[in-house]
Amino acid sequence: MSDYADETSTHVLILRLWRETETGDGAKPEWRALIEDVSTRQRYPVKDMVKLQTLLAPYGEAMALNNFVADTLDQDEP
């Protein structure tokens, strides 16, 4: 997925997040994710949130999302 991330490209990704329910002897619910690239219809199932961050990092860097999030948070403060 990261091969597509650059400053001039546009990508539409669908990110689905859900929490799996307990399935037995003391099992705790776990977060799961599925990333789908709309243009290629390729899906990337993710069971580890660290891996999710790793997959999305190149997009965030290319789109300067850290700056966007910081600016948004600053605007939300009174």
N, C-alpha and C. Protein backbone atom coordinates (compact mmCIF):
# COMPACT_ATOMS: atom_id res chain seq x y z
N MET A 1 0.80 -1.19 0.00
CA MET A 1 0.00 0.00 0.00
C MET A 1 0.85 1.26 0.00
N SER A 2 1.95 1.28 0.70
CA SER A 2 2.74 2.49 0.84
C SER A 2 3.39 2.92 -0.47
N ASP A 3 3.47 2.05 -1.48
CA ASP A 3 4.05 2.42 -2.77
C ASP A 3 3.23 3.51 -3.44
N TYR A 4 1.98 3.67 -3.07
CA TYR A 4 1.11 4.63 -3.70
C TYR A 4 1.17 6.01 -3.07
N ALA A 5 1.73 6.12 -1.90
CA ALA A 5 1.69 7.39 -1.16
C ALA A 5 2.78 8.33 -1.65
N ASP A 6 2.36 9.47 -2.19
CA ASP A 6 3.29 10.55 -2.48
C ASP A 6 2.53 11.86 -2.41
N GLU A 7 3.24 12.95 -2.57
CA GLU A 7 2.63 14.26 -2.36
C GLU A 7 1.55 14.61 -3.38
N THR A 8 1.61 14.04 -4.58
CA THR A 8 0.68 14.45 -5.63
C THR A 8 -0.44 13.46 -5.88
N SER A 9 -0.43 12.34 -5.22
CA SER A 9 -1.44 11.32 -5.49
C SER A 9 -2.66 11.50 -4.61
N THR A 10 -3.77 11.00 -5.12
CA THR A 10 -5.02 11.01 -4.36
C THR A 10 -5.49 9.58 -4.23
N HIS A 11 -5.85 9.20 -3.02
CA HIS A 11 -6.31 7.84 -2.78
C HIS A 11 -7.54 7.87 -1.89
N VAL A 12 -8.43 6.98 -2.20
CA VAL A 12 -9.61 6.83 -1.35
C VAL A 12 -9.48 5.48 -0.66
N LEU A 13 -9.39 5.54 0.65
CA LEU A 13 -9.29 4.33 1.46
C LEU A 13 -10.49 4.28 2.38
N ILE A 14 -11.03 3.10 2.54
CA ILE A 14 -12.09 2.90 3.52
C ILE A 14 -11.46 2.16 4.69
N LEU A 15 -11.63 2.73 5.85
CA LEU A 15 -11.10 2.12 7.07
C LEU A 15 -12.29 1.67 7.91
N ARG A 16 -12.35 0.39 8.15
CA ARG A 16 -13.40 -0.17 9.01
C ARG A 16 -12.75 -0.62 10.31
N LEU A 17 -13.32 -0.19 11.41
CA LEU A 17 -12.82 -0.59 12.73
C LEU A 17 -13.97 -1.21 13.51
N TRP A 18 -13.67 -2.29 14.20
CA TRP A 18 -14.68 -2.91 15.05
C TRP A 18 -13.98 -3.66 16.17
N ARG A 19 -14.77 -3.99 17.14
CA ARG A 19 -14.24 -4.73 18.28
C ARG A 19 -14.86 -6.11 18.28
N GLU A 20 -14.00 -7.12 18.23
CA GLU A 20 -14.46 -8.50 18.27
C GLU A 20 -14.92 -8.84 19.67
N THR A 21 -16.03 -9.55 19.76
CA THR A 21 -16.56 -9.91 21.07
C THR A 21 -15.79 -11.07 21.67
N GLU A 22 -15.99 -11.23 22.95
CA GLU A 22 -15.34 -12.33 23.66
C GLU A 22 -15.78 -13.66 23.07
N THR A 23 -14.83 -14.60 22.97
CA THR A 23 -15.17 -15.89 22.36
C THR A 23 -14.88 -17.09 23.25
N GLY A 24 -14.72 -16.87 24.51
CA GLY A 24 -14.48 -18.04 25.36
C GLY A 24 -13.83 -17.68 26.66
N ASP A 25 -13.21 -18.65 27.26
CA ASP A 25 -12.61 -18.60 28.59
C ASP A 25 -11.81 -17.33 28.87
N GLY A 26 -12.49 -16.30 29.32
CA GLY A 26 -11.81 -15.08 29.72
C GLY A 26 -11.20 -14.27 28.58
N ALA A 27 -11.52 -14.61 27.35
CA ALA A 27 -10.98 -13.86 26.23
C ALA A 27 -11.53 -12.45 26.24
N LYS A 28 -10.65 -11.48 26.03
CA LYS A 28 -11.06 -10.09 26.03
C LYS A 28 -11.35 -9.65 24.59
N PRO A 29 -12.29 -8.72 24.42
CA PRO A 29 -12.56 -8.20 23.07
C PRO A 29 -11.30 -7.53 22.52
N GLU A 30 -11.09 -7.65 21.21
CA GLU A 30 -9.93 -7.06 20.57
C GLU A 30 -10.37 -6.22 19.38
N TRP A 31 -9.63 -5.14 19.15
CA TRP A 31 -9.91 -4.29 18.00
C TRP A 31 -9.39 -4.93 16.73
N ARG A 32 -10.16 -4.80 15.67
CA ARG A 32 -9.79 -5.29 14.35
C ARG A 32 -10.01 -4.15 13.36
N ALA A 33 -9.34 -4.24 12.22
CA ALA A 33 -9.50 -3.22 11.19
C ALA A 33 -9.42 -3.87 9.81
N LEU A 34 -10.03 -3.21 8.87
CA LEU A 34 -9.94 -3.60 7.47
C LEU A 34 -9.77 -2.33 6.66
N ILE A 35 -8.70 -2.27 5.88
CA ILE A 35 -8.47 -1.13 5.00
C ILE A 35 -8.76 -1.60 3.59
N GLU A 36 -9.54 -0.83 2.86
CA GLU A 36 -9.83 -1.17 1.47
C GLU A 36 -9.45 0.02 0.60
N ASP A 37 -8.63 -0.26 -0.43
CA ASP A 37 -8.28 0.75 -1.42
C ASP A 37 -9.39 0.73 -2.46
N VAL A 38 -10.14 1.83 -2.55
CA VAL A 38 -11.32 1.86 -3.40
C VAL A 38 -10.95 1.67 -4.87
N SER A 39 -9.84 2.24 -5.33
CA SER A 39 -9.49 2.14 -6.75
C SER A 39 -9.05 0.75 -7.16
N THR A 40 -8.40 0.01 -6.27
CA THR A 40 -7.93 -1.32 -6.63
C THR A 40 -8.81 -2.42 -6.04
N ARG A 41 -9.68 -2.04 -5.10
CA ARG A 41 -10.53 -2.98 -4.36
C ARG A 41 -9.73 -3.98 -3.53
N GLN A 42 -8.46 -3.70 -3.35
CA GLN A 42 -7.63 -4.57 -2.52
C GLN A 42 -7.93 -4.30 -1.06
N ARG A 43 -8.00 -5.37 -0.29
CA ARG A 43 -8.31 -5.26 1.14
C ARG A 43 -7.13 -5.72 1.97
N TYR A 44 -6.96 -5.04 3.09
CA TYR A 44 -5.87 -5.33 4.00
C TYR A 44 -6.44 -5.55 5.39
N PRO A 45 -6.66 -6.79 5.79
CA PRO A 45 -7.15 -7.04 7.15
C PRO A 45 -6.02 -6.79 8.16
N VAL A 46 -6.39 -6.20 9.28
CA VAL A 46 -5.40 -5.86 10.30
C VAL A 46 -5.90 -6.33 11.66
N LYS A 47 -5.07 -7.09 12.35
CA LYS A 47 -5.41 -7.55 13.70
C LYS A 47 -4.59 -6.85 14.77
N ASP A 48 -3.61 -6.08 14.35
CA ASP A 48 -2.69 -5.44 15.27
C ASP A 48 -2.71 -3.93 15.01
N MET A 49 -3.06 -3.14 16.01
CA MET A 49 -3.19 -1.70 15.81
C MET A 49 -1.85 -1.03 15.49
N VAL A 50 -0.74 -1.60 15.94
CA VAL A 50 0.58 -1.07 15.58
C VAL A 50 0.79 -1.25 14.08
N LYS A 51 0.38 -2.40 13.54
CA LYS A 51 0.49 -2.62 12.10
C LYS A 51 -0.40 -1.66 11.33
N LEU A 52 -1.57 -1.35 11.88
CA LEU A 52 -2.46 -0.39 11.24
C LEU A 52 -1.76 0.97 11.12
N GLN A 53 -1.15 1.40 12.19
CA GLN A 53 -0.42 2.68 12.16
C GLN A 53 0.71 2.63 11.14
N THR A 54 1.40 1.49 11.06
CA THR A 54 2.50 1.34 10.11
C THR A 54 1.99 1.42 8.67
N LEU A 55 0.86 0.78 8.40
CA LEU A 55 0.29 0.82 7.05
C LEU A 55 -0.15 2.22 6.65
N LEU A 56 -0.71 2.97 7.59
CA LEU A 56 -1.24 4.29 7.28
C LEU A 56 -0.20 5.40 7.35
N ALA A 57 0.93 5.17 8.00
CA ALA A 57 1.93 6.22 8.20
C ALA A 57 2.39 6.90 6.90
N PRO A 58 2.69 6.16 5.83
CA PRO A 58 3.13 6.85 4.61
C PRO A 58 2.07 7.81 4.05
N TYR A 59 0.81 7.45 4.19
CA TYR A 59 -0.25 8.34 3.74
C TYR A 59 -0.32 9.59 4.61
N GLY A 60 -0.22 9.39 5.90
CA GLY A 60 -0.26 10.52 6.82
C GLY A 60 0.89 11.48 6.59
N GLU A 61 2.08 10.94 6.33
CA GLU A 61 3.24 11.78 6.07
C GLU A 61 3.08 12.53 4.75
N ALA A 62 2.64 11.83 3.70
CA ALA A 62 2.49 12.44 2.39
C ALA A 62 1.43 13.54 2.40
N MET A 63 0.41 13.36 3.21
CA MET A 63 -0.68 14.34 3.26
C MET A 63 -0.52 15.33 4.40
N ALA A 64 0.58 15.26 5.15
CA ALA A 64 0.84 16.14 6.29
C ALA A 64 -0.31 16.08 7.29
N LEU A 65 -0.79 14.87 7.58
CA LEU A 65 -1.91 14.72 8.51
C LEU A 65 -1.57 15.15 9.93
N ASN A 66 -0.32 15.00 10.33
CA ASN A 66 0.05 15.43 11.67
C ASN A 66 -0.20 16.93 11.83
N ASN A 67 0.12 17.71 10.81
CA ASN A 67 -0.14 19.15 10.86
C ASN A 67 -1.65 19.41 10.87
N PHE A 68 -2.39 18.67 10.06
CA PHE A 68 -3.84 18.82 9.98
C PHE A 68 -4.48 18.54 11.34
N VAL A 69 -4.09 17.42 11.95
CA VAL A 69 -4.66 17.05 13.24
C VAL A 69 -4.31 18.08 14.30
N ALA A 70 -3.07 18.53 14.32
CA ALA A 70 -2.64 19.53 15.31
C ALA A 70 -3.43 20.83 15.11
N ASP A 71 -3.59 21.27 13.85
CA ASP A 71 -4.34 22.49 13.58
C ASP A 71 -5.80 22.33 14.00
N THR A 72 -6.38 21.18 13.75
CA THR A 72 -7.77 20.93 14.11
C THR A 72 -7.95 20.95 15.62
N LEU A 73 -7.02 20.33 16.34
CA LEU A 73 -7.10 20.31 17.80
C LEU A 73 -6.97 21.73 18.36
N ASP A 74 -6.06 22.53 17.78
CA ASP A 74 -5.89 23.91 18.24
C ASP A 74 -7.18 24.71 18.06
N GLN A 75 -7.89 24.49 16.96
CA GLN A 75 -9.11 25.23 16.67
C GLN A 75 -10.25 24.82 17.61
N ASP A 76 -10.23 23.58 18.08
CA ASP A 76 -11.28 23.10 18.96
C ASP A 76 -11.16 23.62 20.38
N GLU A 77 -9.98 24.08 20.75
CA GLU A 77 -9.78 24.56 22.12
C GLU A 77 -10.40 25.94 22.29
N PRO A 78 -10.98 26.20 23.46
CA PRO A 78 -11.62 27.51 23.70
C PRO A 78 -10.63 28.64 23.79
